[in-house]
Amino acid sequence: MRPRHLAPILVLATLLFGGRALAQVQVEGKPETVHLEVNDASLQEVLAALRDRFNLRYRSDDALEIRKTGVFDGPLLRVAARVLEGYDYAMTITPQGIEVLVMRQAGAPAVTATPAIAFRPPLTAAEVNRYRRGHIR
């Protein structure tokens, strides 16, 4: 192709992808020596690639949309832990592989706290009488 024909294609690609590089996940090696290259891919895409290559099973209630970029080398367990940095998770190692439960992003509240005043016990008979007489507010 001539350079003048290449320019419109580059402009179109830039418009279609918003100037961002395409998300890429490349996985190589064995479970003992994983080489993972990630370029602007969601955590969901990264875990899916590890699942496809090494039978790493995962589940989560989170959408796992946080974007990752980097090169990760090492045993599968360590690579998975580095990829999950910033999340609370639990890993189980079984003869069939690794199972991961991704709970939430680290630092996010686990439960919503309700003030103790909301759990006021019911009034006793004596308190009801005092309330009726206007002595309790």
C-alpha atoms as a PDB file:
ATOM      1  CA  MET A   1       0.000   0.000   0.000  1.00  0.00           C
ATOM      2  CA  ARG A   2       1.086   3.511  -0.657  1.00  0.00           C
ATOM      3  CA  PRO A   3       1.531   5.857   2.328  1.00  0.00           C
ATOM      4  CA  ARG A   4      -1.289   8.138   1.174  1.00  0.00           C
ATOM      5  CA  HIS A   5      -3.742   5.192   1.301  1.00  0.00           C
ATOM      6  CA  LEU A   6      -2.549   4.256   4.770  1.00  0.00           C
ATOM      7  CA  ALA A   7      -3.443   7.600   6.387  1.00  0.00           C
ATOM      8  CA  PRO A   8      -7.264   7.224   6.117  1.00  0.00           C
ATOM      9  CA  ILE A   9      -7.035   3.731   7.594  1.00  0.00           C
ATOM     10  CA  LEU A  10      -5.046   5.037  10.559  1.00  0.00           C
ATOM     11  CA  VAL A  11      -7.542   7.870  11.092  1.00  0.00           C
ATOM     12  CA  LEU A  12     -10.448   5.411  10.971  1.00  0.00           C
ATOM     13  CA  ALA A  13      -8.735   3.055  13.419  1.00  0.00           C
ATOM     14  CA  THR A  14      -8.077   5.962  15.793  1.00  0.00           C
ATOM     15  CA  LEU A  15     -11.720   7.032  15.639  1.00  0.00           C
ATOM     16  CA  LEU A  16     -13.025   3.504  16.149  1.00  0.00           C
ATOM     17  CA  PHE A  17     -10.816   2.738  19.111  1.00  0.00           C
ATOM     18  CA  GLY A  18     -10.706   6.198  20.666  1.00  0.00           C
ATOM     19  CA  GLY A  19      -6.960   6.452  20.347  1.00  0.00           C
ATOM     20  CA  ARG A  20      -6.484   3.547  22.775  1.00  0.00           C
ATOM     21  CA  ALA A  21      -4.445   0.515  21.936  1.00  0.00           C
ATOM     22  CA  LEU A  22      -6.389  -2.687  21.532  1.00  0.00           C
ATOM     23  CA  ALA A  23      -6.762  -4.727  24.691  1.00  0.00           C
ATOM     24  CA  GLN A  24      -4.460  -7.705  24.541  1.00  0.00           C
ATOM     25  CA  VAL A  25      -3.737 -10.662  26.773  1.00  0.00           C
ATOM     26  CA  GLN A  26      -0.995 -13.118  25.877  1.00  0.00           C
ATOM     27  CA  VAL A  27      -0.355 -16.176  28.043  1.00  0.00           C
ATOM     28  CA  GLU A  28       2.549 -18.578  27.612  1.00  0.00           C
ATOM     29  CA  GLY A  29       4.324 -21.279  29.577  1.00  0.00           C
ATOM     30  CA  LYS A  30       3.318 -23.935  32.069  1.00  0.00           C
ATOM     31  CA  PRO A  31       1.668 -23.487  35.483  1.00  0.00           C
ATOM     32  CA  GLU A  32       5.140 -23.472  37.071  1.00  0.00           C
ATOM     33  CA  THR A  33       6.518 -20.799  34.703  1.00  0.00           C
ATOM     34  CA  VAL A  34       3.795 -18.491  33.435  1.00  0.00           C
ATOM     35  CA  HIS A  35       4.561 -15.531  31.194  1.00  0.00           C
ATOM     36  CA  LEU A  36       1.589 -13.150  30.963  1.00  0.00           C
ATOM     37  CA  GLU A  37       1.553  -9.921  28.952  1.00  0.00           C
ATOM     38  CA  VAL A  38      -1.435  -7.639  29.401  1.00  0.00           C
ATOM     39  CA  ASN A  39      -2.111  -4.410  27.510  1.00  0.00           C
ATOM     40  CA  ASP A  40      -5.150  -2.405  28.715  1.00  0.00           C
ATOM     41  CA  ALA A  41      -7.339  -5.466  29.291  1.00  0.00           C
ATOM     42  CA  SER A  42     -10.064  -5.833  31.906  1.00  0.00           C
ATOM     43  CA  LEU A  43      -9.440  -8.135  34.844  1.00  0.00           C
ATOM     44  CA  GLN A  44     -12.270 -10.271  33.446  1.00  0.00           C
ATOM     45  CA  GLU A  45     -10.343 -10.741  30.185  1.00  0.00           C
ATOM     46  CA  VAL A  46      -7.116 -11.563  32.026  1.00  0.00           C
ATOM     47  CA  LEU A  47      -8.751 -14.187  34.253  1.00  0.00           C
ATOM     48  CA  ALA A  48     -10.550 -15.660  31.237  1.00  0.00           C
ATOM     49  CA  ALA A  49      -7.213 -16.063  29.441  1.00  0.00           C
ATOM     50  CA  LEU A  50      -5.712 -17.802  32.487  1.00  0.00           C
ATOM     51  CA  ARG A  51      -8.805 -20.003  32.685  1.00  0.00           C
ATOM     52  CA  ASP A  52      -8.500 -21.004  29.039  1.00  0.00           C
ATOM     53  CA  ARG A  53      -4.778 -21.751  29.259  1.00  0.00           C
ATOM     54  CA  PHE A  54      -4.406 -23.245  32.759  1.00  0.00           C
ATOM     55  CA  ASN A  55      -7.933 -24.204  33.864  1.00  0.00           C
ATOM     56  CA  LEU A  56      -7.896 -21.487  36.535  1.00  0.00           C
ATOM     57  CA  ARG A  57     -11.484 -21.300  37.751  1.00  0.00           C
ATOM     58  CA  TYR A  58     -12.827 -18.037  39.124  1.00  0.00           C
ATOM     59  CA  ARG A  59     -16.084 -16.466  40.180  1.00  0.00           C
ATOM     60  CA  SER A  60     -17.097 -13.025  41.349  1.00  0.00           C
ATOM     61  CA  ASP A  61     -20.103 -10.795  41.921  1.00  0.00           C
ATOM     62  CA  ASP A  62     -17.999  -7.860  40.713  1.00  0.00           C
ATOM     63  CA  ALA A  63     -17.921  -6.989  37.008  1.00  0.00           C
ATOM     64  CA  LEU A  64     -14.074  -7.074  37.165  1.00  0.00           C
ATOM     65  CA  GLU A  65     -13.805  -4.148  34.752  1.00  0.00           C
ATOM     66  CA  ILE A  66     -10.630  -2.623  36.245  1.00  0.00           C
ATOM     67  CA  ARG A  67      -8.032  -2.275  33.456  1.00  0.00           C
ATOM     68  CA  LYS A  68      -4.625  -3.949  33.719  1.00  0.00           C
ATOM     69  CA  THR A  69      -1.354  -3.430  31.876  1.00  0.00           C
ATOM     70  CA  GLY A  70       1.924  -5.165  32.591  1.00  0.00           C
ATOM     71  CA  VAL A  71       4.121  -8.231  32.300  1.00  0.00           C
ATOM     72  CA  PHE A  72       3.734 -10.945  34.932  1.00  0.00           C
ATOM     73  CA  ASP A  73       6.170 -13.852  35.263  1.00  0.00           C
ATOM     74  CA  GLY A  74       6.316 -16.702  37.759  1.00  0.00           C
ATOM     75  CA  PRO A  75       4.272 -19.631  39.005  1.00  0.00           C
ATOM     76  CA  LEU A  76       0.542 -19.450  38.215  1.00  0.00           C
ATOM     77  CA  LEU A  77      -0.362 -18.877  41.859  1.00  0.00           C
ATOM     78  CA  ARG A  78       1.941 -15.846  42.117  1.00  0.00           C
ATOM     79  CA  VAL A  79       0.896 -14.432  38.743  1.00  0.00           C
ATOM     80  CA  ALA A  80      -2.784 -14.730  39.673  1.00  0.00           C
ATOM     81  CA  ALA A  81      -2.106 -12.997  42.995  1.00  0.00           C
ATOM     82  CA  ARG A  82      -0.317 -10.117  41.254  1.00  0.00           C
ATOM     83  CA  VAL A  83      -3.109  -9.733  38.707  1.00  0.00           C
ATOM     84  CA  LEU A  84      -5.667  -9.626  41.543  1.00  0.00           C
ATOM     85  CA  GLU A  85      -3.777  -6.889  43.380  1.00  0.00           C
ATOM     86  CA  GLY A  86      -6.287  -4.343  44.636  1.00  0.00           C
ATOM     87  CA  TYR A  87      -9.020  -6.941  45.202  1.00  0.00           C
ATOM     88  CA  ASP A  88      -9.960  -9.062  48.193  1.00  0.00           C
ATOM     89  CA  TYR A  89      -9.926 -12.678  47.077  1.00  0.00           C
ATOM     90  CA  ALA A  90      -9.515 -16.262  48.264  1.00  0.00           C
ATOM     91  CA  MET A  91      -7.595 -18.975  46.401  1.00  0.00           C
ATOM     92  CA  THR A  92      -7.883 -22.719  46.763  1.00  0.00           C
ATOM     93  CA  ILE A  93      -5.302 -25.028  45.231  1.00  0.00           C
ATOM     94  CA  THR A  94      -6.720 -28.372  44.117  1.00  0.00           C
ATOM     95  CA  PRO A  95      -5.253 -31.227  42.066  1.00  0.00           C
ATOM     96  CA  GLN A  96      -7.334 -29.930  39.131  1.00  0.00           C
ATOM     97  CA  GLY A  97      -5.950 -26.400  39.367  1.00  0.00           C
ATOM     98  CA  ILE A  98      -6.595 -23.153  41.187  1.00  0.00           C
ATOM     99  CA  GLU A  99     -10.009 -21.853  42.200  1.00  0.00           C
ATOM    100  CA  VAL A 100     -10.354 -18.132  42.895  1.00  0.00           C
ATOM    101  CA  LEU A 101     -13.200 -16.304  44.600  1.00  0.00           C
ATOM    102  CA  VAL A 102     -12.922 -12.569  43.893  1.00  0.00           C
ATOM    103  CA  MET A 103     -14.956 -10.733  46.502  1.00  0.00           C
ATOM    104  CA  ARG A 104     -14.542  -6.995  46.020  1.00  0.00           C
ATOM    105  CA  GLN A 105     -11.989  -4.270  45.534  1.00  0.00           C
ATOM    106  CA  ALA A 106      -9.816  -3.916  48.619  1.00  0.00           C
ATOM    107  CA  GLY A 107     -10.916  -1.102  50.897  1.00  0.00           C
ATOM    108  CA  ALA A 108     -14.529  -1.215  49.720  1.00  0.00           C
ATOM    109  CA  PRO A 109     -16.943  -1.614  52.633  1.00  0.00           C
ATOM    110  CA  ALA A 110     -18.103  -5.204  53.096  1.00  0.00           C
ATOM    111  CA  VAL A 111     -21.413  -4.223  54.673  1.00  0.00           C
ATOM    112  CA  THR A 112     -23.295  -1.028  55.180  1.00  0.00           C
ATOM    113  CA  ALA A 113     -23.207   0.042  58.822  1.00  0.00           C
ATOM    114  CA  THR A 114     -26.445   1.066  60.457  1.00  0.00           C
ATOM    115  CA  PRO A 115     -26.343   3.302  63.523  1.00  0.00           C
ATOM    116  CA  ALA A 116     -27.052   1.534  66.809  1.00  0.00           C
ATOM    117  CA  ILE A 117     -29.960   3.881  67.465  1.00  0.00           C
ATOM    118  CA  ALA A 118     -31.850   2.147  64.648  1.00  0.00           C
ATOM    119  CA  PHE A 119     -31.966  -1.044  66.737  1.00  0.00           C
ATOM    120  CA  ARG A 120     -33.780   0.411  69.735  1.00  0.00           C
ATOM    121  CA  PRO A 121     -35.448  -2.351  71.773  1.00  0.00           C
ATOM    122  CA  PRO A 122     -39.184  -2.076  72.446  1.00  0.00           C
ATOM    123  CA  LEU A 123     -40.285  -0.011  75.440  1.00  0.00           C
ATOM    124  CA  THR A 124     -41.025  -1.790  78.714  1.00  0.00           C
ATOM    125  CA  ALA A 125     -44.400  -1.301  80.432  1.00  0.00           C
ATOM    126  CA  ALA A 126     -42.866   1.168  82.914  1.00  0.00           C
ATOM    127  CA  GLU A 127     -41.288   3.160  80.051  1.00  0.00           C
ATOM    128  CA  VAL A 128     -44.624   3.235  78.198  1.00  0.00           C
ATOM    129  CA  ASN A 129     -46.312   4.684  81.308  1.00  0.00           C
ATOM    130  CA  ARG A 130     -43.585   7.342  81.696  1.00  0.00           C
ATOM    131  CA  TYR A 131     -43.819   8.152  77.990  1.00  0.00           C
ATOM    132  CA  ARG A 132     -47.579   8.645  78.236  1.00  0.00           C
ATOM    133  CA  ARG A 133     -47.042  11.007  81.153  1.00  0.00           C
ATOM    134  CA  GLY A 134     -44.465  12.941  79.128  1.00  0.00           C
ATOM    135  CA  HIS A 135     -41.369  11.967  81.139  1.00  0.00           C
ATOM    136  CA  ILE A 136     -39.541  10.191  78.273  1.00  0.00           C
ATOM    137  CA  ARG A 137     -38.564  11.881  75.053  1.00  0.00           C
END
